[in-house]
Amino acid sequence: MFGRRVPPHIVLALSLLLAVVCAVPAVRYGLAGSWLPALLWGAVAVWFAVDAVRAYRWQRKK
């Protein structure tokens, strides 16, 4: 953004944090039997987890 890249360790930390934050409501909705919100929150959690893996690999290459 604005011609500069965000450092990979910041992307990794924020992605892991957001993955956990999104996984918590996914599990709570799943246990309550509300499957649509559970699937939506779970999909977002997986999205952030994959982003964290990509940031980790990007960090390892440098």
Protein backbone atom coordinates (compact mmCIF):
# COMPACT_ATOMS: atom_id res chain seq x y z
CA MET A 1 0.00 0.00 0.00
CA PHE A 2 1.33 3.42 -0.95
CA GLY A 3 4.36 1.85 -2.61
CA ARG A 4 5.60 -0.02 0.48
CA ARG A 5 5.12 -3.60 1.53
CA VAL A 6 4.04 -4.58 4.99
CA PRO A 7 6.79 -6.65 6.64
CA PRO A 8 6.02 -10.38 6.60
CA HIS A 9 6.34 -10.79 10.37
CA ILE A 10 3.58 -8.20 10.89
CA VAL A 11 1.33 -9.92 8.34
CA LEU A 12 2.02 -13.26 10.04
CA ALA A 13 1.19 -11.98 13.52
CA LEU A 14 -1.97 -10.14 12.47
CA SER A 15 -3.20 -13.02 10.34
CA LEU A 16 -2.74 -15.51 13.17
CA LEU A 17 -4.50 -13.18 15.59
CA LEU A 18 -7.42 -12.63 13.23
CA ALA A 19 -7.66 -16.36 12.48
CA VAL A 20 -8.04 -17.11 16.19
CA VAL A 21 -10.48 -14.23 16.69
CA CYS A 22 -12.65 -15.56 13.83
CA ALA A 23 -12.37 -19.19 14.92
CA VAL A 24 -13.83 -18.47 18.36
CA PRO A 25 -17.28 -17.36 17.12
CA ALA A 26 -17.21 -20.13 14.51
CA VAL A 27 -16.87 -22.75 17.24
CA ARG A 28 -19.45 -21.05 19.46
CA TYR A 29 -21.99 -20.85 16.63
CA GLY A 30 -21.25 -24.44 15.70
CA LEU A 31 -21.85 -25.64 19.25
CA ALA A 32 -25.10 -23.66 19.35
CA GLY A 33 -26.30 -25.35 16.17
CA SER A 34 -26.28 -22.24 13.95
CA TRP A 35 -24.49 -23.68 10.95
CA LEU A 36 -24.59 -20.78 8.51
CA PRO A 37 -22.80 -18.30 10.80
CA ALA A 38 -20.43 -21.07 11.86
CA LEU A 39 -19.52 -21.77 8.24
CA LEU A 40 -19.06 -18.10 7.45
CA TRP A 41 -16.87 -17.42 10.49
CA GLY A 42 -14.97 -20.65 9.81
CA ALA A 43 -14.31 -19.67 6.20
CA VAL A 44 -12.92 -16.32 7.28
CA ALA A 45 -10.76 -18.03 9.92
CA VAL A 46 -9.36 -20.41 7.30
CA TRP A 47 -8.75 -17.47 4.98
CA PHE A 48 -6.61 -15.74 7.63
CA ALA A 49 -4.82 -18.99 8.52
CA VAL A 50 -3.85 -19.52 4.88
CA ASP A 51 -2.67 -15.92 4.72
CA ALA A 52 -0.51 -16.55 7.79
CA VAL A 53 1.05 -19.61 6.14
CA ARG A 54 1.78 -17.57 3.03
CA ALA A 55 3.38 -14.82 5.14
CA TYR A 56 5.47 -17.42 6.97
CA ARG A 57 6.74 -18.85 3.68
CA TRP A 58 7.42 -15.36 2.38
CA GLN A 59 9.41 -14.60 5.53
CA ARG A 60 11.42 -17.82 5.19
CA LYS A 61 12.42 -17.05 1.59
CA LYS A 62 14.08 -13.76 2.53
